[in-house]
Amino acid sequence: MNSVVNALREMSPTKKLPLIVLHSRRLKDNLANRPQNKRLIEEWQRSHALYATPNGSNDD
């Protein structure tokens, strides 16, 4: 996913991160707690590029 985010960033004239939309469940699962993923999530949150859809919303 980070490769796609970085590719979109490079395509942007402003070089800003794109909006990343993930279900809030994905920010709390085992994969999110891996150190490399945790760093990415924190970076995206600091950059205000991450939007976590709330529980109960259908993100399909």
PDB file of N, CA and C in Angstrom:
ATOM      1  N   MET A   1       0.822  -1.181   0.000  1.00  0.00           N
ATOM      2  CA  MET A   1       0.000   0.000   0.000  1.00  0.00           C
ATOM      3  C   MET A   1       0.871   1.251   0.000  1.00  0.00           C
ATOM      4  N   ASN A   2       1.974   1.202   0.722  1.00  0.00           N
ATOM      5  CA  ASN A   2       2.851   2.363   0.778  1.00  0.00           C
ATOM      6  C   ASN A   2       3.415   2.712  -0.597  1.00  0.00           C
ATOM      7  N   SER A   3       3.660   1.703  -1.418  1.00  0.00           N
ATOM      8  CA  SER A   3       4.157   1.958  -2.778  1.00  0.00           C
ATOM      9  C   SER A   3       3.144   2.754  -3.593  1.00  0.00           C
ATOM     10  N   VAL A   4       1.885   2.411  -3.462  1.00  0.00           N
ATOM     11  CA  VAL A   4       0.823   3.127  -4.178  1.00  0.00           C
ATOM     12  C   VAL A   4       0.717   4.557  -3.655  1.00  0.00           C
ATOM     13  N   VAL A   5       0.749   4.708  -2.335  1.00  0.00           N
ATOM     14  CA  VAL A   5       0.669   6.042  -1.727  1.00  0.00           C
ATOM     15  C   VAL A   5       1.827   6.908  -2.220  1.00  0.00           C
ATOM     16  N   ASN A   6       3.033   6.353  -2.230  1.00  0.00           N
ATOM     17  CA  ASN A   6       4.192   7.127  -2.682  1.00  0.00           C
ATOM     18  C   ASN A   6       4.119   7.450  -4.171  1.00  0.00           C
ATOM     19  N   ALA A   7       3.616   6.528  -4.975  1.00  0.00           N
ATOM     20  CA  ALA A   7       3.468   6.796  -6.410  1.00  0.00           C
ATOM     21  C   ALA A   7       2.470   7.925  -6.642  1.00  0.00           C
ATOM     22  N   LEU A   8       1.362   7.903  -5.916  1.00  0.00           N
ATOM     23  CA  LEU A   8       0.375   8.982  -6.047  1.00  0.00           C
ATOM     24  C   LEU A   8       0.947  10.310  -5.564  1.00  0.00           C
ATOM     25  N   ARG A   9       1.741  10.260  -4.520  1.00  0.00           N
ATOM     26  CA  ARG A   9       2.380  11.483  -4.009  1.00  0.00           C
ATOM     27  C   ARG A   9       3.287  12.092  -5.080  1.00  0.00           C
ATOM     28  N   GLU A  10       4.050  11.244  -5.753  1.00  0.00           N
ATOM     29  CA  GLU A  10       4.957  11.731  -6.793  1.00  0.00           C
ATOM     30  C   GLU A  10       4.198  12.305  -7.988  1.00  0.00           C
ATOM     31  N   MET A  11       3.006  11.802  -8.251  1.00  0.00           N
ATOM     32  CA  MET A  11       2.200  12.300  -9.365  1.00  0.00           C
ATOM     33  C   MET A  11       1.566  13.649  -9.053  1.00  0.00           C
ATOM     34  N   SER A  12       1.446  13.950  -7.788  1.00  0.00           N
ATOM     35  CA  SER A  12       0.788  15.184  -7.367  1.00  0.00           C
ATOM     36  C   SER A  12       1.701  16.387  -7.593  1.00  0.00           C
ATOM     37  N   PRO A  13       1.171  17.477  -8.140  1.00  0.00           N
ATOM     38  CA  PRO A  13       1.995  18.674  -8.335  1.00  0.00           C
ATOM     39  C   PRO A  13       2.500  19.254  -7.014  1.00  0.00           C
ATOM     40  N   THR A  14       1.754  19.041  -5.938  1.00  0.00           N
ATOM     41  CA  THR A  14       2.151  19.587  -4.631  1.00  0.00           C
ATOM     42  C   THR A  14       2.987  18.609  -3.816  1.00  0.00           C
ATOM     43  N   LYS A  15       3.086  17.372  -4.275  1.00  0.00           N
ATOM     44  CA  LYS A  15       3.828  16.308  -3.587  1.00  0.00           C
ATOM     45  C   LYS A  15       3.264  15.989  -2.207  1.00  0.00           C
ATOM     46  N   LYS A  16       1.989  16.313  -2.000  1.00  0.00           N
ATOM     47  CA  LYS A  16       1.338  15.971  -0.736  1.00  0.00           C
ATOM     48  C   LYS A  16       0.858  14.525  -0.784  1.00  0.00           C
ATOM     49  N   LEU A  17       0.714  13.944   0.401  1.00  0.00           N
ATOM     50  CA  LEU A  17       0.157  12.598   0.479  1.00  0.00           C
ATOM     51  C   LEU A  17      -1.295  12.614   0.024  1.00  0.00           C
ATOM     52  N   PRO A  18      -1.726  11.562  -0.657  1.00  0.00           N
ATOM     53  CA  PRO A  18      -3.145  11.466  -1.010  1.00  0.00           C
ATOM     54  C   PRO A  18      -3.955  11.137   0.242  1.00  0.00           C
ATOM     55  N   LEU A  19      -5.250  11.289   0.155  1.00  0.00           N
ATOM     56  CA  LEU A  19      -6.121  10.881   1.248  1.00  0.00           C
ATOM     57  C   LEU A  19      -6.172   9.353   1.273  1.00  0.00           C
ATOM     58  N   ILE A  20      -5.876   8.791   2.431  1.00  0.00           N
ATOM     59  CA  ILE A  20      -5.859   7.344   2.620  1.00  0.00           C
ATOM     60  C   ILE A  20      -7.066   6.990   3.482  1.00  0.00           C
ATOM     61  N   VAL A  21      -7.963   6.180   2.944  1.00  0.00           N
ATOM     62  CA  VAL A  21      -9.189   5.817   3.662  1.00  0.00           C
ATOM     63  C   VAL A  21      -9.111   4.336   4.027  1.00  0.00           C
ATOM     64  N   LEU A  22      -9.133   4.072   5.327  1.00  0.00           N
ATOM     65  CA  LEU A  22      -9.111   2.700   5.831  1.00  0.00           C
ATOM     66  C   LEU A  22     -10.199   2.530   6.877  1.00  0.00           C
ATOM     67  N   HIS A  23     -10.748   1.344   6.951  1.00  0.00           N
ATOM     68  CA  HIS A  23     -11.708   1.059   8.016  1.00  0.00           C
ATOM     69  C   HIS A  23     -10.951   1.089   9.344  1.00  0.00           C
ATOM     70  N   SER A  24     -11.559   1.635  10.374  1.00  0.00           N
ATOM     71  CA  SER A  24     -10.892   1.760  11.674  1.00  0.00           C
ATOM     72  C   SER A  24     -10.395   0.408  12.189  1.00  0.00           C
ATOM     73  N   ARG A  25     -11.068  -0.656  11.820  1.00  0.00           N
ATOM     74  CA  ARG A  25     -10.647  -2.011  12.214  1.00  0.00           C
ATOM     75  C   ARG A  25      -9.232  -2.303  11.706  1.00  0.00           C
ATOM     76  N   ARG A  26      -8.906  -1.790  10.535  1.00  0.00           N
ATOM     77  CA  ARG A  26      -7.582  -2.039   9.942  1.00  0.00           C
ATOM     78  C   ARG A  26      -6.458  -1.325  10.694  1.00  0.00           C
ATOM     79  N   LEU A  27      -6.810  -0.345  11.490  1.00  0.00           N
ATOM     80  CA  LEU A  27      -5.799   0.391  12.250  1.00  0.00           C
ATOM     81  C   LEU A  27      -5.551  -0.232  13.615  1.00  0.00           C
ATOM     82  N   LYS A  28      -6.277  -1.307  13.909  1.00  0.00           N
ATOM     83  CA  LYS A  28      -6.157  -1.954  15.219  1.00  0.00           C
ATOM     84  C   LYS A  28      -5.848  -3.444  15.119  1.00  0.00           C
ATOM     85  N   ASP A  29      -5.771  -3.985  13.917  1.00  0.00           N
ATOM     86  CA  ASP A  29      -5.554  -5.423  13.792  1.00  0.00           C
ATOM     87  C   ASP A  29      -4.076  -5.780  13.950  1.00  0.00           C
ATOM     88  N   ASN A  30      -3.776  -7.069  13.867  1.00  0.00           N
ATOM     89  CA  ASN A  30      -2.402  -7.544  14.074  1.00  0.00           C
ATOM     90  C   ASN A  30      -1.421  -6.957  13.069  1.00  0.00           C
ATOM     91  N   LEU A  31      -1.836  -6.808  11.827  1.00  0.00           N
ATOM     92  CA  LEU A  31      -0.937  -6.234  10.819  1.00  0.00           C
ATOM     93  C   LEU A  31      -0.587  -4.788  11.135  1.00  0.00           C
ATOM     94  N   ALA A  32      -1.531  -4.042  11.656  1.00  0.00           N
ATOM     95  CA  ALA A  32      -1.283  -2.636  11.984  1.00  0.00           C
ATOM     96  C   ALA A  32      -0.299  -2.494  13.132  1.00  0.00           C
ATOM     97  N   ASN A  33      -0.189  -3.512  13.957  1.00  0.00           N
ATOM     98  CA  ASN A  33       0.701  -3.441  15.112  1.00  0.00           C
ATOM     99  C   ASN A  33       2.127  -3.870  14.817  1.00  0.00           C
ATOM    100  N   ARG A  34       2.396  -4.289  13.613  1.00  0.00           N
ATOM    101  CA  ARG A  34       3.779  -4.593  13.232  1.00  0.00           C
ATOM    102  C   ARG A  34       4.544  -3.272  13.169  1.00  0.00           C
ATOM    103  N   PRO A  35       5.789  -3.260  13.647  1.00  0.00           N
ATOM    104  CA  PRO A  35       6.545  -1.999  13.738  1.00  0.00           C
ATOM    105  C   PRO A  35       6.581  -1.181  12.447  1.00  0.00           C
ATOM    106  N   GLN A  36       6.827  -1.835  11.303  1.00  0.00           N
ATOM    107  CA  GLN A  36       6.925  -1.071  10.051  1.00  0.00           C
ATOM    108  C   GLN A  36       5.578  -0.456   9.677  1.00  0.00           C
ATOM    109  N   ASN A  37       4.502  -1.189   9.913  1.00  0.00           N
ATOM    110  CA  ASN A  37       3.172  -0.669   9.595  1.00  0.00           C
ATOM    111  C   ASN A  37       2.754   0.408  10.581  1.00  0.00           C
ATOM    112  N   LYS A  38       3.117   0.223  11.829  1.00  0.00           N
ATOM    113  CA  LYS A  38       2.786   1.209  12.858  1.00  0.00           C
ATOM    114  C   LYS A  38       3.430   2.561  12.526  1.00  0.00           C
ATOM    115  N   ARG A  39       4.676   2.524  12.060  1.00  0.00           N
ATOM    116  CA  ARG A  39       5.370   3.764  11.663  1.00  0.00           C
ATOM    117  C   ARG A  39       4.649   4.454  10.506  1.00  0.00           C
ATOM    118  N   LEU A  40       4.227   3.675   9.514  1.00  0.00           N
ATOM    119  CA  LEU A  40       3.505   4.248   8.372  1.00  0.00           C
ATOM    120  C   LEU A  40       2.196   4.882   8.813  1.00  0.00           C
ATOM    121  N   ILE A  41       1.450   4.180   9.634  1.00  0.00           N
ATOM    122  CA  ILE A  41       0.164   4.698  10.109  1.00  0.00           C
ATOM    123  C   ILE A  41       0.375   5.991  10.885  1.00  0.00           C
ATOM    124  N   GLU A  42       1.385   6.019  11.745  1.00  0.00           N
ATOM    125  CA  GLU A  42       1.668   7.232  12.520  1.00  0.00           C
ATOM    126  C   GLU A  42       2.067   8.393  11.612  1.00  0.00           C
ATOM    127  N   GLU A  43       2.860   8.097  10.587  1.00  0.00           N
ATOM    128  CA  GLU A  43       3.260   9.144   9.628  1.00  0.00           C
ATOM    129  C   GLU A  43       2.043   9.700   8.904  1.00  0.00           C
ATOM    130  N   TRP A  44       1.165   8.830   8.458  1.00  0.00           N
ATOM    131  CA  TRP A  44      -0.039   9.262   7.751  1.00  0.00           C
ATOM    132  C   TRP A  44      -0.948  10.068   8.664  1.00  0.00           C
ATOM    133  N   GLN A  45      -1.038   9.658   9.929  1.00  0.00           N
ATOM    134  CA  GLN A  45      -1.868  10.407  10.881  1.00  0.00           C
ATOM    135  C   GLN A  45      -1.279  11.792  11.139  1.00  0.00           C
ATOM    136  N   ARG A  46       0.027  11.873  11.332  1.00  0.00           N
ATOM    137  CA  ARG A  46       0.684  13.179  11.556  1.00  0.00           C
ATOM    138  C   ARG A  46       0.490  14.110  10.365  1.00  0.00           C
ATOM    139  N   SER A  47       0.458  13.538   9.177  1.00  0.00           N
ATOM    140  CA  SER A  47       0.297  14.322   7.946  1.00  0.00           C
ATOM    141  C   SER A  47      -1.162  14.642   7.642  1.00  0.00           C
ATOM    142  N   HIS A  48      -2.074  14.168   8.475  1.00  0.00           N
ATOM    143  CA  HIS A  48      -3.518  14.362   8.271  1.00  0.00           C
ATOM    144  C   HIS A  48      -3.969  13.788   6.929  1.00  0.00           C
ATOM    145  N   ALA A  49      -3.322  12.690   6.517  1.00  0.00           N
ATOM    146  CA  ALA A  49      -3.660  12.055   5.248  1.00  0.00           C
ATOM    147  C   ALA A  49      -4.514  10.810   5.442  1.00  0.00           C
ATOM    148  N   LEU A  50      -4.707  10.396   6.695  1.00  0.00           N
ATOM    149  CA  LEU A  50      -5.427   9.161   6.973  1.00  0.00           C
ATOM    150  C   LEU A  50      -6.812   9.449   7.524  1.00  0.00           C
ATOM    151  N   TYR A  51      -7.804   8.825   6.894  1.00  0.00           N
ATOM    152  CA  TYR A  51      -9.174   8.901   7.399  1.00  0.00           C
ATOM    153  C   TYR A  51      -9.608   7.486   7.730  1.00  0.00           C
ATOM    154  N   ALA A  52      -9.994   7.274   8.973  1.00  0.00           N
ATOM    155  CA  ALA A  52     -10.475   5.962   9.408  1.00  0.00           C
ATOM    156  C   ALA A  52     -11.992   5.969   9.393  1.00  0.00           C
ATOM    157  N   THR A  53     -12.576   5.110   8.567  1.00  0.00           N
ATOM    158  CA  THR A  53     -14.039   5.037   8.543  1.00  0.00           C
ATOM    159  C   THR A  53     -14.507   4.429   9.856  1.00  0.00           C
ATOM    160  N   PRO A  54     -15.582   4.946  10.417  1.00  0.00           N
ATOM    161  CA  PRO A  54     -16.043   4.457  11.718  1.00  0.00           C
ATOM    162  C   PRO A  54     -16.645   3.054  11.640  1.00  0.00           C
ATOM    163  N   ASN A  55     -16.647   2.389  12.780  1.00  0.00           N
ATOM    164  CA  ASN A  55     -17.311   1.086  12.869  1.00  0.00           C
ATOM    165  C   ASN A  55     -18.772   1.246  12.484  1.00  0.00           C
ATOM    166  N   GLY A  56     -19.287   0.245  11.795  1.00  0.00           N
ATOM    167  CA  GLY A  56     -20.680   0.284  11.380  1.00  0.00           C
ATOM    168  C   GLY A  56     -20.882   0.841   9.983  1.00  0.00           C
ATOM    169  N   SER A  57     -19.866   1.484   9.428  1.00  0.00           N
ATOM    170  CA  SER A  57     -20.016   1.987   8.058  1.00  0.00           C
ATOM    171  C   SER A  57     -19.578   0.895   7.091  1.00  0.00           C
ATOM    172  N   ASN A  58     -20.196   0.835   5.962  1.00  0.00           N
ATOM    173  CA  ASN A  58     -19.875  -0.171   4.968  1.00  0.00           C
ATOM    174  C   ASN A  58     -18.861   0.426   4.008  1.00  0.00           C
ATOM    175  N   ASP A  59     -17.634  -0.061   4.064  1.00  0.00           N
ATOM    176  CA  ASP A  59     -16.580   0.495   3.218  1.00  0.00           C
ATOM    177  C   ASP A  59     -16.291  -0.365   1.993  1.00  0.00           C
ATOM    178  N   ASP A  60     -17.176  -1.298   1.665  1.00  0.00           N
ATOM    179  CA  ASP A  60     -16.952  -2.167   0.501  1.00  0.00           C
ATOM    180  C   ASP A  60     -17.144  -1.413  -0.788  1.00  0.00           C
TER     181      ASP A  60
END
